[in-house]
Amino acid sequence: MKSLTYIATILLFSLTGCKSQQDLVTNPPFTTGTVTCQSWVGGRAESGSGIKLVIPVDVSDKSKVDFKTAYFREKSADLKWQKVNGVASVVANFATISAPKPDIIMHADPKKEVGNTPPLPKEKLPFELAENECVVSYLENGELKYVKLEGIKVQKKKLYQ
């Protein structure tokens, strides 16, 4: 009887477990062209660096689709409409601004280290992605949906002077 209760409990938890990944849409209400990413580096130390992700998009009715976020290379960024080379695109800029590290107090007495702030945990994305894949979230008729884009082309690094 005890083993039956144990098996029933395990079965119940396995059937009602959380989703490890969001549901991905296979045919979104838009088409995409060749998706590209380009690393960039600012001309000064405080200008930082990052990656610009460009997704050429053809949407029949822009009022029905609202692009929200792009997930790429273990980061997320908001998507914004831009014309890139005359083509309507949504663009995400994954900036990696290197902020100065705060001073850390190291002392034999732990009470004197109270002012130290712990490092922030790394952002955990809801998707497992390869280097050349991204996931785009968008609202369609008020419902949040996700689509995976594969085969992202890497462009030459851009250096700003």
N, C-alpha and C. Protein backbone atom coordinates (compact mmCIF):
# COMPACT_ATOMS: atom_id res chain seq x y z
N MET A 1 0.83 -1.19 0.00
CA MET A 1 0.00 0.00 0.00
C MET A 1 0.87 1.25 0.00
N LYS A 2 1.98 1.18 0.77
CA LYS A 2 2.88 2.32 0.83
C LYS A 2 3.51 2.60 -0.53
N SER A 3 3.88 1.53 -1.23
CA SER A 3 4.50 1.73 -2.54
C SER A 3 3.49 2.27 -3.55
N LEU A 4 2.22 1.91 -3.43
CA LEU A 4 1.19 2.43 -4.32
C LEU A 4 1.02 3.94 -4.11
N THR A 5 1.03 4.38 -2.88
CA THR A 5 0.95 5.82 -2.57
C THR A 5 2.17 6.54 -3.12
N TYR A 6 3.33 5.94 -2.96
CA TYR A 6 4.57 6.53 -3.46
C TYR A 6 4.54 6.68 -4.98
N ILE A 7 4.10 5.64 -5.68
CA ILE A 7 4.02 5.67 -7.15
C ILE A 7 2.98 6.70 -7.60
N ALA A 8 1.85 6.76 -6.92
CA ALA A 8 0.80 7.72 -7.29
C ALA A 8 1.30 9.16 -7.11
N THR A 9 2.06 9.41 -6.05
CA THR A 9 2.61 10.75 -5.81
C THR A 9 3.60 11.13 -6.90
N ILE A 10 4.48 10.23 -7.27
CA ILE A 10 5.45 10.50 -8.34
C ILE A 10 4.74 10.75 -9.66
N LEU A 11 3.73 9.95 -9.96
CA LEU A 11 2.97 10.11 -11.20
C LEU A 11 2.25 11.46 -11.22
N LEU A 12 1.68 11.86 -10.10
CA LEU A 12 0.98 13.14 -10.01
C LEU A 12 1.94 14.30 -10.26
N PHE A 13 3.12 14.27 -9.64
CA PHE A 13 4.10 15.35 -9.84
C PHE A 13 4.65 15.37 -11.25
N SER A 14 4.82 14.21 -11.86
CA SER A 14 5.36 14.20 -13.23
C SER A 14 4.34 14.73 -14.23
N LEU A 15 3.07 14.53 -13.99
CA LEU A 15 2.04 15.02 -14.91
C LEU A 15 1.75 16.50 -14.73
N THR A 16 1.97 17.02 -13.53
CA THR A 16 1.65 18.43 -13.26
C THR A 16 2.90 19.28 -13.11
N GLY A 17 4.05 18.77 -13.54
CA GLY A 17 5.30 19.53 -13.42
C GLY A 17 5.28 20.78 -14.27
N CYS A 18 6.18 21.72 -13.94
CA CYS A 18 6.23 22.98 -14.70
C CYS A 18 6.83 22.76 -16.06
N LYS A 19 6.57 23.71 -16.92
CA LYS A 19 7.16 23.68 -18.25
C LYS A 19 8.60 24.14 -18.14
N SER A 20 9.49 23.43 -18.80
CA SER A 20 10.88 23.87 -18.78
C SER A 20 11.12 24.92 -19.86
N GLN A 21 10.33 24.91 -20.92
CA GLN A 21 10.47 25.90 -21.98
C GLN A 21 9.09 26.38 -22.41
N GLN A 22 9.06 27.60 -22.94
CA GLN A 22 7.83 28.16 -23.45
C GLN A 22 7.47 27.44 -24.76
N ASP A 23 6.19 27.49 -25.12
CA ASP A 23 5.75 26.90 -26.39
C ASP A 23 6.19 27.79 -27.54
N LEU A 24 6.80 27.19 -28.55
CA LEU A 24 7.26 27.93 -29.71
C LEU A 24 6.26 27.79 -30.85
N VAL A 25 5.96 28.89 -31.51
CA VAL A 25 5.03 28.91 -32.64
C VAL A 25 5.79 28.48 -33.89
N THR A 26 5.17 27.64 -34.71
CA THR A 26 5.84 27.17 -35.93
C THR A 26 5.53 28.04 -37.15
N ASN A 27 4.35 28.65 -37.18
CA ASN A 27 4.02 29.52 -38.32
C ASN A 27 3.49 30.86 -37.80
N PRO A 28 4.38 31.83 -37.57
CA PRO A 28 3.97 33.14 -37.05
C PRO A 28 3.25 33.96 -38.13
N PRO A 29 2.58 35.05 -37.73
CA PRO A 29 1.84 35.88 -38.69
C PRO A 29 2.74 36.87 -39.44
N PHE A 30 4.01 36.57 -39.54
CA PHE A 30 4.96 37.43 -40.25
C PHE A 30 6.03 36.55 -40.87
N THR A 31 6.75 37.10 -41.83
CA THR A 31 7.88 36.38 -42.42
C THR A 31 9.15 37.18 -42.14
N THR A 32 10.26 36.46 -42.05
CA THR A 32 11.53 37.12 -41.77
C THR A 32 12.49 36.87 -42.92
N GLY A 33 13.37 37.85 -43.13
CA GLY A 33 14.43 37.70 -44.11
C GLY A 33 15.65 37.09 -43.44
N THR A 34 16.82 37.35 -43.98
CA THR A 34 18.06 36.84 -43.41
C THR A 34 18.38 37.61 -42.14
N VAL A 35 18.41 36.91 -41.01
CA VAL A 35 18.69 37.53 -39.72
C VAL A 35 20.20 37.65 -39.57
N THR A 36 20.67 38.83 -39.14
CA THR A 36 22.11 39.06 -38.98
C THR A 36 22.42 39.58 -37.59
N CYS A 37 23.64 39.31 -37.15
CA CYS A 37 24.14 39.89 -35.91
C CYS A 37 25.51 40.49 -36.19
N GLN A 38 25.80 41.59 -35.49
CA GLN A 38 27.07 42.27 -35.70
C GLN A 38 27.58 42.77 -34.35
N SER A 39 28.79 42.33 -33.99
CA SER A 39 29.43 42.85 -32.78
C SER A 39 29.89 44.26 -33.05
N TRP A 40 29.85 45.11 -32.02
CA TRP A 40 30.34 46.47 -32.15
C TRP A 40 31.11 46.86 -30.90
N VAL A 41 32.05 47.77 -31.09
CA VAL A 41 32.88 48.27 -29.99
C VAL A 41 32.93 49.78 -30.11
N GLY A 42 32.68 50.49 -29.01
CA GLY A 42 32.73 51.94 -29.01
C GLY A 42 34.16 52.45 -29.04
N GLY A 43 34.32 53.71 -29.44
CA GLY A 43 35.64 54.30 -29.56
C GLY A 43 36.28 54.66 -28.24
N ARG A 44 35.48 54.78 -27.17
CA ARG A 44 36.02 55.11 -25.85
C ARG A 44 35.63 54.01 -24.87
N ALA A 45 36.37 53.94 -23.78
CA ALA A 45 36.13 52.87 -22.80
C ALA A 45 34.72 52.93 -22.23
N GLU A 46 34.20 54.13 -21.97
CA GLU A 46 32.87 54.24 -21.35
C GLU A 46 31.73 53.99 -22.32
N SER A 47 32.03 53.92 -23.63
CA SER A 47 30.95 53.67 -24.59
C SER A 47 30.58 52.20 -24.68
N GLY A 48 31.41 51.32 -24.19
CA GLY A 48 31.06 49.90 -24.10
C GLY A 48 31.16 49.15 -25.42
N SER A 49 30.45 48.03 -25.45
CA SER A 49 30.43 47.17 -26.63
C SER A 49 29.12 46.40 -26.62
N GLY A 50 28.91 45.59 -27.63
CA GLY A 50 27.69 44.81 -27.66
C GLY A 50 27.48 44.10 -28.97
N ILE A 51 26.26 43.62 -29.16
CA ILE A 51 25.87 42.92 -30.38
C ILE A 51 24.54 43.50 -30.85
N LYS A 52 24.47 43.79 -32.14
CA LYS A 52 23.24 44.29 -32.75
C LYS A 52 22.63 43.16 -33.57
N LEU A 53 21.39 42.80 -33.25
CA LEU A 53 20.66 41.75 -33.95
C LEU A 53 19.60 42.40 -34.83
N VAL A 54 19.65 42.14 -36.13
CA VAL A 54 18.71 42.74 -37.09
C VAL A 54 17.86 41.64 -37.71
N ILE A 55 16.53 41.80 -37.58
CA ILE A 55 15.59 40.81 -38.11
C ILE A 55 14.68 41.51 -39.12
N PRO A 56 14.92 41.34 -40.43
CA PRO A 56 14.02 41.92 -41.43
C PRO A 56 12.66 41.22 -41.34
N VAL A 57 11.59 42.01 -41.23
CA VAL A 57 10.26 41.45 -40.99
C VAL A 57 9.27 41.99 -42.01
N ASP A 58 8.42 41.09 -42.50
CA ASP A 58 7.31 41.48 -43.37
C ASP A 58 6.02 41.09 -42.67
N VAL A 59 5.28 42.11 -42.21
CA VAL A 59 4.02 41.88 -41.51
C VAL A 59 2.90 42.51 -42.33
N SER A 60 1.84 41.75 -42.58
CA SER A 60 0.73 42.29 -43.37
C SER A 60 -0.02 43.37 -42.59
N ASP A 61 -0.18 43.19 -41.27
CA ASP A 61 -0.90 44.17 -40.45
C ASP A 61 -0.11 44.40 -39.16
N LYS A 62 0.63 45.52 -39.10
CA LYS A 62 1.48 45.81 -37.93
C LYS A 62 0.68 46.02 -36.65
N SER A 63 -0.60 46.36 -36.76
CA SER A 63 -1.41 46.60 -35.57
C SER A 63 -1.74 45.30 -34.83
N LYS A 64 -1.63 44.16 -35.50
CA LYS A 64 -1.96 42.88 -34.87
C LYS A 64 -0.76 42.22 -34.20
N VAL A 65 0.46 42.65 -34.55
CA VAL A 65 1.68 42.04 -34.01
C VAL A 65 2.52 43.11 -33.34
N ASP A 66 2.88 42.87 -32.07
CA ASP A 66 3.72 43.80 -31.31
C ASP A 66 4.95 43.04 -30.83
N PHE A 67 6.11 43.32 -31.42
CA PHE A 67 7.34 42.63 -31.05
C PHE A 67 7.82 43.12 -29.69
N LYS A 68 8.24 42.20 -28.84
CA LYS A 68 8.62 42.54 -27.47
C LYS A 68 10.11 42.34 -27.20
N THR A 69 10.58 41.09 -27.19
CA THR A 69 11.93 40.77 -26.72
C THR A 69 12.60 39.76 -27.63
N ALA A 70 13.94 39.90 -27.72
CA ALA A 70 14.75 38.90 -28.43
C ALA A 70 15.66 38.24 -27.40
N TYR A 71 15.78 36.92 -27.48
CA TYR A 71 16.67 36.13 -26.63
C TYR A 71 17.77 35.58 -27.52
N PHE A 72 19.03 35.93 -27.19
CA PHE A 72 20.14 35.57 -28.07
C PHE A 72 21.42 35.49 -27.24
N ARG A 73 22.14 34.38 -27.39
CA ARG A 73 23.43 34.18 -26.72
C ARG A 73 23.39 34.50 -25.22
N GLU A 74 22.41 33.90 -24.55
CA GLU A 74 22.24 34.00 -23.11
C GLU A 74 21.94 35.41 -22.62
N LYS A 75 21.34 36.23 -23.48
CA LYS A 75 20.94 37.58 -23.10
C LYS A 75 19.57 37.87 -23.69
N SER A 76 18.93 38.91 -23.17
CA SER A 76 17.66 39.36 -23.73
C SER A 76 17.70 40.87 -23.92
N ALA A 77 16.97 41.35 -24.92
CA ALA A 77 16.91 42.79 -25.21
C ALA A 77 15.57 43.10 -25.86
N ASP A 78 15.12 44.34 -25.66
CA ASP A 78 13.87 44.79 -26.27
C ASP A 78 14.05 44.96 -27.78
N LEU A 79 12.98 44.72 -28.51
CA LEU A 79 12.98 44.89 -29.97
C LEU A 79 12.35 46.22 -30.34
N LYS A 80 12.96 46.90 -31.30
CA LYS A 80 12.46 48.18 -31.78
C LYS A 80 12.42 48.17 -33.31
N TRP A 81 11.39 48.82 -33.87
CA TRP A 81 11.28 48.94 -35.33
C TRP A 81 12.31 49.92 -35.85
N GLN A 82 13.00 49.56 -36.94
CA GLN A 82 13.95 50.44 -37.62
C GLN A 82 13.98 50.05 -39.09
N LYS A 83 14.32 51.04 -39.93
CA LYS A 83 14.59 50.74 -41.34
C LYS A 83 16.09 50.49 -41.45
N VAL A 84 16.48 49.31 -41.91
CA VAL A 84 17.88 48.96 -42.09
C VAL A 84 18.08 48.68 -43.58
N ASN A 85 18.90 49.50 -44.22
CA ASN A 85 19.14 49.40 -45.67
C ASN A 85 17.82 49.43 -46.45
N GLY A 86 16.89 50.27 -45.99
CA GLY A 86 15.61 50.43 -46.67
C GLY A 86 14.59 49.34 -46.40
N VAL A 87 14.90 48.40 -45.51
CA VAL A 87 14.00 47.28 -45.21
C VAL A 87 13.47 47.43 -43.78
N ALA A 88 12.16 47.29 -43.60
CA ALA A 88 11.56 47.33 -42.26
C ALA A 88 12.07 46.14 -41.46
N SER A 89 12.63 46.44 -40.29
CA SER A 89 13.24 45.40 -39.46
C SER A 89 12.95 45.68 -38.00
N VAL A 90 13.05 44.63 -37.19
CA VAL A 90 13.08 44.82 -35.74
C VAL A 90 14.52 44.58 -35.31
N VAL A 91 15.00 45.45 -34.42
CA VAL A 91 16.40 45.44 -34.03
C VAL A 91 16.51 45.32 -32.52
N ALA A 92 17.42 44.47 -32.06
CA ALA A 92 17.73 44.34 -30.64
C ALA A 92 19.20 44.67 -30.45
N ASN A 93 19.49 45.47 -29.44
CA ASN A 93 20.87 45.84 -29.15
C ASN A 93 21.25 45.26 -27.79
N PHE A 94 22.14 44.29 -27.79
CA PHE A 94 22.59 43.64 -26.56
C PHE A 94 23.87 44.33 -26.11
N ALA A 95 23.72 45.41 -25.35
CA ALA A 95 24.88 46.20 -24.92
C ALA A 95 25.55 45.55 -23.72
N THR A 96 26.87 45.58 -23.71
CA THR A 96 27.64 45.07 -22.58
C THR A 96 28.53 46.20 -22.08
N ILE A 97 27.91 47.14 -21.38
CA ILE A 97 28.64 48.27 -20.83
C ILE A 97 29.37 47.78 -19.60
N SER A 98 30.67 47.96 -19.60
CA SER A 98 31.46 47.51 -18.46
C SER A 98 31.52 48.62 -17.42
N ALA A 99 30.69 48.47 -16.39
CA ALA A 99 30.65 49.45 -15.31
C ALA A 99 31.86 49.24 -14.40
N PRO A 100 32.36 50.31 -13.80
CA PRO A 100 33.50 50.14 -12.90
C PRO A 100 33.10 49.27 -11.70
N LYS A 101 34.00 48.39 -11.33
CA LYS A 101 33.71 47.49 -10.21
C LYS A 101 33.87 48.26 -8.90
N PRO A 102 32.92 48.09 -7.97
CA PRO A 102 33.03 48.79 -6.70
C PRO A 102 34.15 48.21 -5.84
N ASP A 103 34.66 49.05 -4.95
CA ASP A 103 35.70 48.59 -4.02
C ASP A 103 35.11 47.55 -3.08
N ILE A 104 35.90 46.54 -2.79
CA ILE A 104 35.48 45.47 -1.89
C ILE A 104 36.34 45.53 -0.64
N ILE A 105 35.68 45.46 0.51
CA ILE A 105 36.40 45.49 1.78
C ILE A 105 36.69 44.05 2.19
N MET A 106 37.96 43.72 2.31
CA MET A 106 38.37 42.39 2.77
C MET A 106 39.01 42.57 4.15
N HIS A 107 38.48 41.86 5.13
CA HIS A 107 38.98 42.01 6.49
C HIS A 107 38.85 40.68 7.21
N ALA A 108 39.70 40.47 8.19
CA ALA A 108 39.64 39.25 9.00
C ALA A 108 38.35 39.21 9.82
N ASP A 109 37.83 40.40 10.16
CA ASP A 109 36.58 40.49 10.91
C ASP A 109 35.42 40.63 9.92
N PRO A 110 34.55 39.62 9.79
CA PRO A 110 33.46 39.67 8.81
C PRO A 110 32.50 40.85 9.03
N LYS A 111 32.42 41.36 10.25
CA LYS A 111 31.52 42.49 10.53
C LYS A 111 31.96 43.74 9.79
N LYS A 112 33.23 43.84 9.45
CA LYS A 112 33.73 45.02 8.74
C LYS A 112 33.53 44.90 7.23
N GLU A 113 33.01 43.76 6.76
CA GLU A 113 32.74 43.56 5.34
C GLU A 113 31.27 43.77 5.00
N VAL A 114 30.52 44.36 5.93
CA VAL A 114 29.08 44.52 5.77
C VAL A 114 28.70 45.34 4.54
N GLY A 115 29.47 46.33 4.16
CA GLY A 115 29.13 47.21 3.04
C GLY A 115 29.29 46.57 1.67
N ASN A 116 29.88 45.39 1.59
CA ASN A 116 30.08 44.74 0.29
C ASN A 116 28.74 44.27 -0.28
N THR A 117 28.57 44.47 -1.57
CA THR A 117 27.35 43.98 -2.22
C THR A 117 27.68 42.70 -2.99
N PRO A 118 26.83 41.69 -2.89
CA PRO A 118 27.10 40.44 -3.61
C PRO A 118 26.92 40.64 -5.11
N PRO A 119 27.59 39.83 -5.92
CA PRO A 119 27.42 39.96 -7.38
C PRO A 119 26.00 39.56 -7.78
N LEU A 120 25.52 40.18 -8.86
CA LEU A 120 24.18 39.85 -9.35
C LEU A 120 24.20 38.49 -10.05
N PRO A 121 23.16 37.69 -9.85
CA PRO A 121 23.13 36.38 -10.53
C PRO A 121 22.95 36.57 -12.04
N LYS A 122 23.49 35.63 -12.81
CA LYS A 122 23.38 35.68 -14.26
C LYS A 122 21.93 35.41 -14.66
N GLU A 123 21.46 36.16 -15.64
CA GLU A 123 20.09 36.02 -16.11
C GLU A 123 19.87 34.62 -16.69
N LYS A 124 18.80 33.95 -16.24
CA LYS A 124 18.47 32.61 -16.74
C LYS A 124 17.37 32.74 -17.77
N LEU A 125 17.68 32.37 -19.01
CA LEU A 125 16.71 32.46 -20.09
C LEU A 125 15.82 31.22 -20.12
N PRO A 126 14.57 31.38 -20.57
CA PRO A 126 13.66 30.23 -20.62
C PRO A 126 13.89 29.31 -21.82
N PHE A 127 14.98 29.53 -22.58
CA PHE A 127 15.23 28.75 -23.78
C PHE A 127 16.67 28.26 -23.83
N GLU A 128 16.88 27.09 -24.41
CA GLU A 128 18.22 26.58 -24.70
C GLU A 128 18.48 26.88 -26.17
N LEU A 129 19.48 27.71 -26.45
CA LEU A 129 19.73 28.15 -27.82
C LEU A 129 21.17 27.89 -28.23
N ALA A 130 21.36 27.61 -29.51
CA ALA A 130 22.70 27.48 -30.08
C ALA A 130 23.23 28.88 -30.40
N GLU A 131 24.49 28.98 -30.81
CA GLU A 131 25.12 30.27 -31.12
C GLU A 131 24.42 31.02 -32.24
N ASN A 132 23.84 30.29 -33.20
CA ASN A 132 23.22 30.94 -34.35
C ASN A 132 21.69 30.89 -34.30
N GLU A 133 21.12 30.84 -33.09
CA GLU A 133 19.67 30.82 -32.92
C GLU A 133 19.23 31.93 -31.98
N CYS A 134 18.02 32.43 -32.21
CA CYS A 134 17.42 33.38 -31.28
C CYS A 134 15.93 33.08 -31.18
N VAL A 135 15.32 33.56 -30.12
CA VAL A 135 13.88 33.44 -29.95
C VAL A 135 13.32 34.85 -29.83
N VAL A 136 12.23 35.10 -30.53
CA VAL A 136 11.57 36.41 -30.53
C VAL A 136 10.21 36.25 -29.86
N SER A 137 9.93 37.13 -28.90
CA SER A 137 8.60 37.13 -28.29
C SER A 137 7.79 38.27 -28.90
N TYR A 138 6.50 38.02 -29.09
CA TYR A 138 5.62 39.03 -29.67
C TYR A 138 4.21 38.83 -29.15
N LEU A 139 3.43 39.90 -29.18
CA LEU A 139 2.03 39.84 -28.81
C LEU A 139 1.19 39.77 -30.07
N GLU A 140 0.31 38.79 -30.12
CA GLU A 140 -0.64 38.67 -31.22
C GLU A 140 -2.03 38.60 -30.63
N ASN A 141 -2.84 39.62 -30.89
CA ASN A 141 -4.19 39.72 -30.33
C ASN A 141 -4.16 39.59 -28.80
N GLY A 142 -3.17 40.21 -28.17
CA GLY A 142 -3.08 40.22 -26.71
C GLY A 142 -2.45 38.98 -26.10
N GLU A 143 -2.06 38.01 -26.89
CA GLU A 143 -1.47 36.77 -26.38
C GLU A 143 0.03 36.75 -26.69
N LEU A 144 0.85 36.48 -25.66
CA LEU A 144 2.30 36.44 -25.83
C LEU A 144 2.71 35.12 -26.47
N LYS A 145 3.46 35.21 -27.57
CA LYS A 145 3.91 34.02 -28.30
C LYS A 145 5.40 34.12 -28.57
N TYR A 146 6.00 32.97 -28.89
CA TYR A 146 7.44 32.89 -29.13
C TYR A 146 7.70 32.16 -30.44
N VAL A 147 8.72 32.62 -31.18
CA VAL A 147 9.14 31.95 -32.40
C VAL A 147 10.67 31.86 -32.40
N LYS A 148 11.18 30.71 -32.82
CA LYS A 148 12.64 30.50 -32.89
C LYS A 148 13.12 30.78 -34.31
N LEU A 149 14.19 31.57 -34.41
CA LEU A 149 14.82 31.87 -35.69
C LEU A 149 16.19 31.23 -35.71
N GLU A 150 16.50 30.52 -36.78
CA GLU A 150 17.78 29.79 -36.88
C GLU A 150 18.60 30.32 -38.05
N GLY A 151 19.87 29.98 -38.07
CA GLY A 151 20.74 30.33 -39.19
C GLY A 151 21.11 31.80 -39.22
N ILE A 152 21.37 32.39 -38.07
CA ILE A 152 21.73 33.81 -38.00
C ILE A 152 23.13 34.00 -38.59
N LYS A 153 23.24 34.94 -39.50
CA LYS A 153 24.52 35.24 -40.17
C LYS A 153 25.30 36.25 -39.33
N VAL A 154 26.58 35.97 -39.12
CA VAL A 154 27.46 36.86 -38.35
C VAL A 154 28.17 37.79 -39.32
N GLN A 155 28.04 39.10 -39.07
CA GLN A 155 28.72 40.09 -39.90
C GLN A 155 30.02 40.53 -39.24
N LYS A 156 30.86 41.21 -40.00
CA LYS A 156 32.15 41.69 -39.52
C LYS A 156 31.95 42.70 -38.38
N LYS A 157 32.82 42.65 -37.38
CA LYS A 157 32.74 43.54 -36.23
C LYS A 157 32.85 45.00 -36.67
N LYS A 158 32.05 45.86 -36.02
CA LYS A 158 32.06 47.28 -36.35
C LYS A 158 32.77 48.03 -35.23
N LEU A 159 33.78 48.81 -35.61
CA LEU A 159 34.56 49.60 -34.65
C LEU A 159 34.21 51.07 -34.82
N TYR A 160 33.70 51.68 -33.76
CA TYR A 160 33.39 53.12 -33.81
C TYR A 160 34.62 53.89 -33.35
N GLN A 161 34.90 55.01 -34.01
CA GLN A 161 36.06 55.83 -33.67
C GLN A 161 35.63 57.05 -32.88
